[in-house]
């Protein structure tokens, strides 16, 4: 599989926050889209195809409503929904149209107006359902069923089961999972677009309200509002643009999406490990790079435990070595392989439709050397990863031009 001649020309995201009632989803999408077009130094009349992703408002034709604000040029406009992978799927739609030769320039937008929607509004109720408890040493304490009020098919339950399996197999402690949240909250203090920009100590994180082992409230992503967008262009069209546009363009070396294959297993219903491994393998092969070539990674840390699992799934550490990887500080912004320098979903926020494109924005901003105080010096290759409902995975690998 060869790498497509596909480039990211512009990218933008709004601050992730909780916006007032007068700002609706299309307003947020419009802000991100116009900022991405300005970043790309093109206008909407240059765009040949557009995709808008949103998980909470997919049936209200938001793409067509956005077109009315951007300009009714008559181009194809796709409404996309794919759980937490919605934004990345919108990007895939634009990429596929460009690589197929149906478009020279595509616009992908992801947006969400969630407010305080979600399952984490009352952490005390989680304790009624049962959790795996922490022992003083940070290892496993008593084991209680997580089934009950929320059941095992919700995301906290699914990731609790997957994390428990990994921890039992490889000796990972509750403290090691919590160190992921400590890192991401610290990283968020350098990101002015993050929903929360506050550091927490390891003790504060572990002492917070439990949700589902090993995750406490401070190890779970918040809900909120926001949007992100990207402009993609064919290599042929890029060569006709200005020198400054070509200089700032970022190569999309791999754009991969997979869905969980059927297997006979007694593991969790959503196999977050297999889909991530499959997507990463294909992406590395397509881009012609490996985990050791990555200068930064933005991955789907809906829970702190999810990030630790994906160190292993993405090949960032040796098999079974995710606990040692976080202990070594390798994924900190000054470490060997910085992960979630943006603050990740844990602090940057997780407005579902925007998340996949926000990861693309973050990686591209570092590759361009434009990330300010959180900049990873000399970044040349980055990876963005996102899961959708635990059964779909998208991985994009971006490379700096020249």
Protein backbone atom coordinates (compact mmCIF):
# COMPACT_ATOMS: atom_id res chain seq x y z
CA UNK A 1 0.00 0.00 0.00
CA UNK A 2 1.57 3.30 -1.07
CA UNK A 3 1.27 6.68 0.60
CA UNK A 4 -1.19 9.03 -1.20
CA UNK A 5 -0.08 12.42 -2.52
CA UNK A 6 -2.31 14.22 -0.05
CA UNK A 7 -1.60 17.33 2.00
CA UNK A 8 -3.10 19.22 4.88
CA UNK A 9 -3.20 22.86 3.81
CA UNK A 10 -4.88 24.43 6.82
CA UNK A 11 -6.23 23.53 10.25
CA UNK A 12 -7.96 25.24 13.15
CA UNK A 13 -9.96 24.60 16.28
CA UNK A 14 -12.08 26.70 18.58
CA UNK A 15 -11.40 26.78 22.30
CA UNK A 16 -13.07 23.76 23.88
CA UNK A 17 -15.44 25.02 26.57
CA UNK A 18 -19.11 25.26 27.45
CA UNK A 19 -20.56 27.94 25.22
CA UNK A 20 -23.62 30.05 25.94
CA UNK A 21 -26.99 28.97 24.59
CA UNK A 22 -26.88 31.56 21.81
CA UNK A 23 -23.93 29.79 20.14
CA UNK A 24 -25.20 26.69 18.38
CA UNK A 25 -23.42 23.80 16.71
CA UNK A 26 -23.35 25.41 13.26
CA UNK A 27 -21.92 28.62 14.75
CA UNK A 28 -19.06 26.61 16.25
CA UNK A 29 -18.53 24.71 12.99
CA UNK A 30 -18.49 28.00 11.06
CA UNK A 31 -15.84 29.45 13.39
CA UNK A 32 -13.55 26.46 12.91
CA UNK A 33 -14.17 26.21 9.16
CA UNK A 34 -13.48 29.87 8.42
CA UNK A 35 -10.36 29.79 10.58
CA UNK A 36 -9.07 26.69 8.76
CA UNK A 37 -9.74 28.29 5.37
CA UNK A 38 -7.87 31.42 6.46
CA UNK A 39 -5.01 29.27 7.74
CA UNK A 40 -4.88 27.56 4.34
CA UNK A 41 -5.02 30.95 2.54
CA UNK A 42 -7.95 29.80 0.38
CA UNK A 43 -11.61 30.77 0.25
CA UNK A 44 -14.68 28.59 0.39
CA UNK A 45 -15.17 29.02 -3.36
CA UNK A 46 -11.96 26.98 -3.78
CA UNK A 47 -13.45 24.01 -1.90
CA UNK A 48 -14.81 21.11 -3.98
CA UNK A 49 -16.23 18.90 -1.21
CA UNK A 50 -17.15 19.30 2.44
CA UNK A 51 -17.93 16.91 5.28
CA UNK A 52 -19.29 17.92 8.67
CA UNK A 53 -19.20 15.46 11.53
CA UNK A 54 -21.36 15.62 14.64
CA UNK A 55 -22.55 12.80 16.86
CA UNK A 56 -25.27 14.67 18.76
CA UNK A 57 -26.99 16.47 15.88
CA UNK A 58 -26.64 14.21 12.83
CA UNK A 59 -30.28 14.27 11.76
CA UNK A 60 -30.68 18.03 11.37
CA UNK A 61 -28.66 18.34 8.13
CA UNK A 62 -25.92 20.39 9.82
CA UNK A 63 -23.65 20.23 6.75
CA UNK A 64 -26.30 21.92 4.62
CA UNK A 65 -26.91 24.49 7.36
CA UNK A 66 -23.18 25.20 7.50
CA UNK A 67 -23.12 25.66 3.73
CA UNK A 68 -25.70 28.42 4.07
CA UNK A 69 -23.26 30.30 6.29
CA UNK A 70 -20.11 29.56 4.28
CA UNK A 71 -21.63 29.97 0.82
CA UNK A 72 -24.07 27.87 -1.19
CA UNK A 73 -21.69 26.88 -3.96
CA UNK A 74 -23.51 23.65 -4.74
CA UNK A 75 -20.65 21.32 -3.77
CA UNK A 76 -21.29 17.91 -2.18
CA UNK A 77 -21.80 18.26 1.57
CA UNK A 78 -21.76 15.12 3.71
CA UNK A 79 -23.23 14.67 7.17
CA UNK A 80 -21.03 12.26 9.12
CA UNK A 81 -21.53 10.41 12.40
CA UNK A 82 -19.23 7.71 13.79
CA UNK A 83 -19.24 8.05 17.57
CA UNK A 84 -15.98 9.47 18.93
CA UNK A 85 -14.32 8.91 15.54
CA UNK A 86 -16.79 11.28 13.86
CA UNK A 87 -14.31 14.10 13.19
CA UNK A 88 -11.68 11.73 11.86
CA UNK A 89 -14.32 10.12 9.65
CA UNK A 90 -15.23 13.53 8.20
CA UNK A 91 -11.56 13.96 7.39
CA UNK A 92 -11.51 10.53 5.74
CA UNK A 93 -14.45 11.56 3.54
CA UNK A 94 -12.57 14.63 2.34
CA UNK A 95 -9.34 12.67 1.87
CA UNK A 96 -11.06 9.95 -0.14
CA UNK A 97 -12.70 12.49 -2.44
CA UNK A 98 -9.34 14.15 -3.11
CA UNK A 99 -7.37 10.93 -3.61
CA UNK A 100 -10.11 9.64 -5.94
CA UNK A 101 -9.64 12.69 -8.13
CA UNK A 102 -13.17 13.95 -7.54
CA UNK A 103 -11.92 17.05 -5.73
CA UNK A 104 -8.75 19.12 -5.53
CA UNK A 105 -9.54 20.75 -2.18
CA UNK A 106 -11.69 19.33 0.58
CA UNK A 107 -12.91 20.78 3.86
CA UNK A 108 -13.54 18.56 6.91
CA UNK A 109 -15.26 19.96 9.99
CA UNK A 110 -16.13 18.34 13.31
CA UNK A 111 -18.35 20.07 15.85
CA UNK A 112 -20.36 19.31 18.96
CA UNK A 113 -22.57 21.18 21.42
CA UNK A 114 -22.75 18.78 24.36
CA UNK A 115 -22.83 20.99 27.43
CA UNK A 116 -22.87 18.77 30.50
CA UNK A 117 -24.32 15.73 28.75
CA UNK A 118 -22.71 12.45 29.66
CA UNK A 119 -22.45 9.76 32.32
CA UNK A 120 -20.15 11.42 34.84
CA UNK A 121 -22.45 14.06 36.30
CA UNK A 122 -22.82 12.29 39.65
CA UNK A 123 -19.75 10.30 40.58
CA UNK A 124 -21.31 9.18 43.87
CA UNK A 125 -23.77 6.99 41.97
CA UNK A 126 -20.87 5.06 40.48
CA UNK A 127 -19.86 3.82 43.88
CA UNK A 128 -23.30 2.25 44.24
CA UNK A 129 -22.61 0.12 41.14
CA UNK A 130 -19.34 -1.20 42.50
CA UNK A 131 -15.74 -0.64 41.45
CA UNK A 132 -12.41 -2.30 41.81
CA UNK A 133 -10.94 -0.56 44.83
CA UNK A 134 -7.42 0.77 45.36
CA UNK A 135 -5.19 -0.81 47.98
CA UNK A 136 -2.74 1.43 49.87
CA UNK A 137 0.08 0.14 47.67
CA UNK A 138 -1.75 1.19 44.53
CA UNK A 139 -2.28 -2.44 43.50
CA UNK A 140 -5.57 -4.32 43.32
CA UNK A 141 -7.80 -4.31 46.34
CA UNK A 142 -11.12 -6.06 46.66
CA UNK A 143 -12.95 -6.79 43.44
CA UNK A 144 -16.58 -5.74 43.15
CA UNK A 145 -18.82 -6.07 40.08
CA UNK A 146 -19.08 -3.04 37.84
CA UNK A 147 -22.41 -4.32 36.51
CA UNK A 148 -25.49 -2.64 37.88
CA UNK A 149 -26.81 0.83 37.25
CA UNK A 150 -24.56 1.47 34.24
CA UNK A 151 -23.59 -2.02 33.15
CA UNK A 152 -20.57 -3.21 31.21
CA UNK A 153 -21.65 -1.89 27.82
CA UNK A 154 -21.00 1.75 28.73
CA UNK A 155 -17.58 3.17 27.98
CA UNK A 156 -16.39 3.37 31.63
CA UNK A 157 -17.24 -0.32 32.04
CA UNK A 158 -15.64 -1.36 28.77
CA UNK A 159 -12.40 0.45 29.50
CA UNK A 160 -12.39 -0.81 33.08
CA UNK A 161 -12.54 -4.40 31.83
CA UNK A 162 -9.84 -3.83 29.20
CA UNK A 163 -7.61 -2.09 31.74
CA UNK A 164 -8.12 -4.81 34.32
CA UNK A 165 -7.15 -7.49 31.82
CA UNK A 166 -3.97 -5.63 30.91
CA UNK A 167 -3.08 -4.85 34.52
CA UNK A 168 -3.54 -8.43 35.67
CA UNK A 169 -1.47 -9.72 32.78
CA UNK A 170 1.39 -7.23 33.08
CA UNK A 171 1.39 -6.12 36.71
CA UNK A 172 0.28 -2.54 36.12
CA UNK A 173 -0.72 -0.59 39.24
CA UNK A 174 -3.43 1.97 39.88
CA UNK A 175 -0.70 4.55 40.43
CA UNK A 176 0.74 3.94 36.97
CA UNK A 177 -2.67 4.52 35.39
CA UNK A 178 -3.06 7.70 37.44
CA UNK A 179 0.31 9.01 36.25
CA UNK A 180 -1.21 9.36 32.77
CA UNK A 181 -3.75 11.85 34.12
CA UNK A 182 -1.04 13.67 36.08
CA UNK A 183 0.88 14.14 32.81
CA UNK A 184 -2.06 15.27 30.70
CA UNK A 185 -3.39 17.73 33.25
CA UNK A 186 0.12 19.21 33.50
CA UNK A 187 0.38 19.47 29.71
CA UNK A 188 -2.95 21.30 29.51
CA UNK A 189 -1.56 24.29 31.40
CA UNK A 190 0.36 25.21 28.23
CA UNK A 191 -2.64 24.92 25.89
CA UNK A 192 -4.82 28.05 25.73
CA UNK A 193 -7.50 26.15 23.76
CA UNK A 194 -7.96 23.42 26.39
CA UNK A 195 -11.24 23.24 28.30
CA UNK A 196 -9.36 22.86 31.58
CA UNK A 197 -5.86 24.18 32.23
CA UNK A 198 -5.09 23.00 35.73
CA UNK A 199 -2.45 20.62 37.05
CA UNK A 200 -3.29 18.00 39.67
CA UNK A 201 -0.95 16.01 41.88
CA UNK A 202 -0.85 12.24 41.73
CA UNK A 203 -2.37 12.08 45.22
CA UNK A 204 -5.26 14.36 44.20
CA UNK A 205 -5.98 12.22 41.17
CA UNK A 206 -6.00 8.94 43.07
CA UNK A 207 -8.08 10.37 45.92
CA UNK A 208 -10.78 11.76 43.61
CA UNK A 209 -14.23 10.13 43.32
CA UNK A 210 -13.91 6.62 41.86
CA UNK A 211 -15.70 5.89 38.60
CA UNK A 212 -14.71 2.43 37.39
CA UNK A 213 -11.34 0.89 38.25
CA UNK A 214 -8.76 2.26 37.78
CA UNK A 215 -10.28 5.58 36.76
CA UNK A 216 -11.31 8.31 39.16
CA UNK A 217 -13.19 11.41 38.01
CA UNK A 218 -9.88 13.19 37.33
CA UNK A 219 -8.95 10.30 35.04
CA UNK A 220 -12.06 10.72 32.86
CA UNK A 221 -12.60 13.19 30.02
CA UNK A 222 -15.13 16.00 30.43
CA UNK A 223 -17.94 16.75 28.03
CA UNK A 224 -18.23 20.16 26.42
CA UNK A 225 -18.54 22.15 23.23
CA UNK A 226 -16.19 22.97 20.38
CA UNK A 227 -15.22 22.50 16.77
CA UNK A 228 -12.15 21.79 14.65
CA UNK A 229 -11.55 21.78 10.91
CA UNK A 230 -8.95 20.88 8.29
CA UNK A 231 -8.41 21.74 4.63
CA UNK A 232 -6.88 18.98 2.49
CA UNK A 233 -5.45 19.34 -1.00
CA UNK A 234 -4.06 17.11 -3.72
CA UNK A 235 -0.36 17.22 -4.44
CA UNK A 236 -1.05 18.45 -7.97
CA UNK A 237 -3.15 21.39 -6.73
CA UNK A 238 -0.62 22.19 -4.01
CA UNK A 239 2.13 22.62 -6.57
CA UNK A 240 0.07 25.42 -8.18
CA UNK A 241 -0.22 27.38 -4.92
CA UNK A 242 2.08 30.00 -3.42
CA UNK A 243 5.44 29.25 -1.88
CA UNK A 244 4.16 30.11 1.60
CA UNK A 245 1.22 27.73 1.22
CA UNK A 246 3.56 24.96 0.09
CA UNK A 247 5.98 25.69 2.95
CA UNK A 248 3.29 25.33 5.60
CA UNK A 249 1.57 22.31 4.04
CA UNK A 250 1.83 19.08 6.02
CA UNK A 251 1.90 15.73 4.24
CA UNK A 252 -0.79 13.23 5.16
CA UNK A 253 1.35 10.12 4.85
CA UNK A 254 -1.38 7.76 6.05
CA UNK A 255 -5.13 8.03 6.56
CA UNK A 256 -6.47 4.72 7.85
CA UNK A 257 -9.76 3.59 9.37
CA UNK A 258 -10.67 0.08 10.45
CA UNK A 259 -13.54 -1.61 12.27
CA UNK A 260 -13.31 -4.45 14.74
CA UNK A 261 -13.19 -7.84 12.98
CA UNK A 262 -15.18 -10.80 14.22
CA UNK A 263 -13.25 -13.15 16.49
CA UNK A 264 -14.09 -15.89 18.95
CA UNK A 265 -13.17 -14.41 22.29
CA UNK A 266 -14.31 -14.21 25.89
CA UNK A 267 -12.91 -10.69 26.18
CA UNK A 268 -14.87 -7.43 26.24
CA UNK A 269 -17.43 -6.83 23.50
CA UNK A 270 -15.55 -3.84 22.13
CA UNK A 271 -11.98 -4.89 21.44
CA UNK A 272 -10.26 -1.52 21.65
CA UNK A 273 -6.86 -3.19 21.52
CA UNK A 274 -7.30 -5.11 18.27
CA UNK A 275 -8.78 -2.22 16.29
CA UNK A 276 -6.00 0.13 17.38
CA UNK A 277 -3.29 -2.41 16.58
CA UNK A 278 -4.81 -3.11 13.16
CA UNK A 279 -5.17 0.57 12.28
CA UNK A 280 -1.67 1.41 13.49
CA UNK A 281 -0.09 -1.47 11.55
CA UNK A 282 -1.74 -0.34 8.32
CA UNK A 283 -0.85 3.30 8.94
CA UNK A 284 2.83 2.55 9.60
CA UNK A 285 3.00 0.41 6.46
CA UNK A 286 1.32 3.08 4.35
CA UNK A 287 3.50 5.91 5.64
CA UNK A 288 6.71 3.90 5.62
CA UNK A 289 7.52 4.84 9.21
CA UNK A 290 7.49 3.09 12.57
CA UNK A 291 6.77 4.02 16.18
CA UNK A 292 10.40 5.03 16.73
CA UNK A 293 10.03 7.70 14.04
CA UNK A 294 7.23 9.53 15.84
CA UNK A 295 8.03 12.88 17.41
CA UNK A 296 4.61 13.25 19.03
CA UNK A 297 1.34 11.38 19.37
CA UNK A 298 -2.21 12.56 20.04
CA UNK A 299 -4.21 9.54 21.11
CA UNK A 300 -7.70 8.82 22.40
CA UNK A 301 -7.43 9.16 26.18
CA UNK A 302 -11.15 9.17 26.98
CA UNK A 303 -9.88 7.63 30.22
CA UNK A 304 -6.36 7.68 31.61
CA UNK A 305 -6.36 3.89 31.46
CA UNK A 306 -7.12 4.02 27.72
CA UNK A 307 -3.97 6.02 27.04
CA UNK A 308 -1.80 3.53 28.90
CA UNK A 309 -3.25 0.63 26.89
CA UNK A 310 -2.62 2.46 23.63
CA UNK A 311 1.08 2.93 24.40
CA UNK A 312 1.25 -0.80 23.81
CA UNK A 313 -1.32 -0.94 20.99
CA UNK A 314 0.47 1.77 18.98
CA UNK A 315 3.86 0.14 19.52
CA UNK A 316 5.24 3.07 21.53
CA UNK A 317 6.65 0.64 24.10
CA UNK A 318 7.62 -3.00 24.14
CA UNK A 319 4.77 -5.49 24.45
CA UNK A 320 3.45 -5.47 28.02
CA UNK A 321 5.63 -2.51 28.92
CA UNK A 322 3.10 0.33 29.18
CA UNK A 323 3.50 0.64 32.94
CA UNK A 324 7.25 0.99 32.65
CA UNK A 325 6.76 3.43 29.76
CA UNK A 326 4.78 5.91 31.88
CA UNK A 327 7.15 5.43 34.83
CA UNK A 328 10.09 6.38 32.58
CA UNK A 329 8.37 9.70 31.71
CA UNK A 330 8.84 8.85 28.01
CA UNK A 331 5.37 10.22 27.07
CA UNK A 332 5.85 13.58 28.82
CA UNK A 333 6.43 16.56 26.51
CA UNK A 334 10.17 16.45 27.34
CA UNK A 335 10.34 12.67 27.00
CA UNK A 336 11.29 10.29 24.20
CA UNK A 337 7.80 10.09 22.64
CA UNK A 338 5.56 12.95 23.80
CA UNK A 339 1.92 11.89 24.03
CA UNK A 340 -1.07 14.23 24.32
CA UNK A 341 0.94 17.43 24.67
CA UNK A 342 -2.39 19.21 24.13
CA UNK A 343 -3.65 17.93 27.47
CA UNK A 344 -5.50 15.13 25.73
CA UNK A 345 -9.19 14.50 26.08
CA UNK A 346 -8.72 14.47 29.86
CA UNK A 347 -8.06 18.22 29.98
CA UNK A 348 -8.43 19.59 26.45
CA UNK A 349 -11.97 18.19 26.43
CA UNK A 350 -13.99 15.77 24.34
CA UNK A 351 -16.77 17.38 22.30
CA UNK A 352 -17.26 14.15 20.43
CA UNK A 353 -17.63 15.33 16.83
CA UNK A 354 -14.63 17.65 17.08
CA UNK A 355 -12.17 15.32 18.80
CA UNK A 356 -10.66 13.53 15.80
CA UNK A 357 -9.94 16.77 13.94
CA UNK A 358 -8.62 18.44 17.08
CA UNK A 359 -5.92 15.77 17.23
CA UNK A 360 -5.03 16.49 13.60
CA UNK A 361 -4.84 20.21 14.38
CA UNK A 362 -2.52 19.62 17.33
CA UNK A 363 -0.10 17.40 15.42
CA UNK A 364 -0.02 19.71 12.40
CA UNK A 365 0.61 22.75 14.60
CA UNK A 366 3.71 21.13 16.09
CA UNK A 367 5.00 19.99 12.70
CA UNK A 368 4.71 23.59 11.51
CA UNK A 369 6.59 24.83 14.58
CA UNK A 370 3.61 26.96 15.62
CA UNK A 371 2.60 25.41 18.97
CA UNK A 372 4.03 28.14 21.17
CA UNK A 373 4.94 27.22 24.75
CA UNK A 374 4.03 23.55 24.27
CA UNK A 375 6.03 23.16 21.03
CA UNK A 376 7.94 19.91 20.55
CA UNK A 377 11.22 21.16 19.08
CA UNK A 378 12.16 19.76 15.71
CA UNK A 379 8.96 17.71 15.34
CA UNK A 380 8.83 16.11 11.89
CA UNK A 381 6.48 13.10 12.17
CA UNK A 382 3.31 12.82 14.25
CA UNK A 383 0.41 10.43 14.70
CA UNK A 384 -3.24 11.14 15.57
CA UNK A 385 -5.40 8.27 16.87
CA UNK A 386 -9.07 8.11 17.77
CA UNK A 387 -11.58 5.39 18.65
CA UNK A 388 -15.28 5.33 17.80
CA UNK A 389 -17.45 3.46 20.31
CA UNK A 390 -14.52 1.16 20.95
CA UNK A 391 -15.07 -0.72 17.69
CA UNK A 392 -13.79 1.74 15.05
CA UNK A 393 -10.33 3.24 14.93
CA UNK A 394 -8.77 5.95 12.77
CA UNK A 395 -5.05 6.65 12.60
CA UNK A 396 -3.48 9.49 10.63
CA UNK A 397 0.25 10.01 10.23
CA UNK A 398 1.42 13.49 9.30
CA UNK A 399 4.89 14.61 8.20
CA UNK A 400 6.52 18.01 7.89
CA UNK A 401 7.35 19.01 4.35
CA UNK A 402 11.03 19.28 3.35
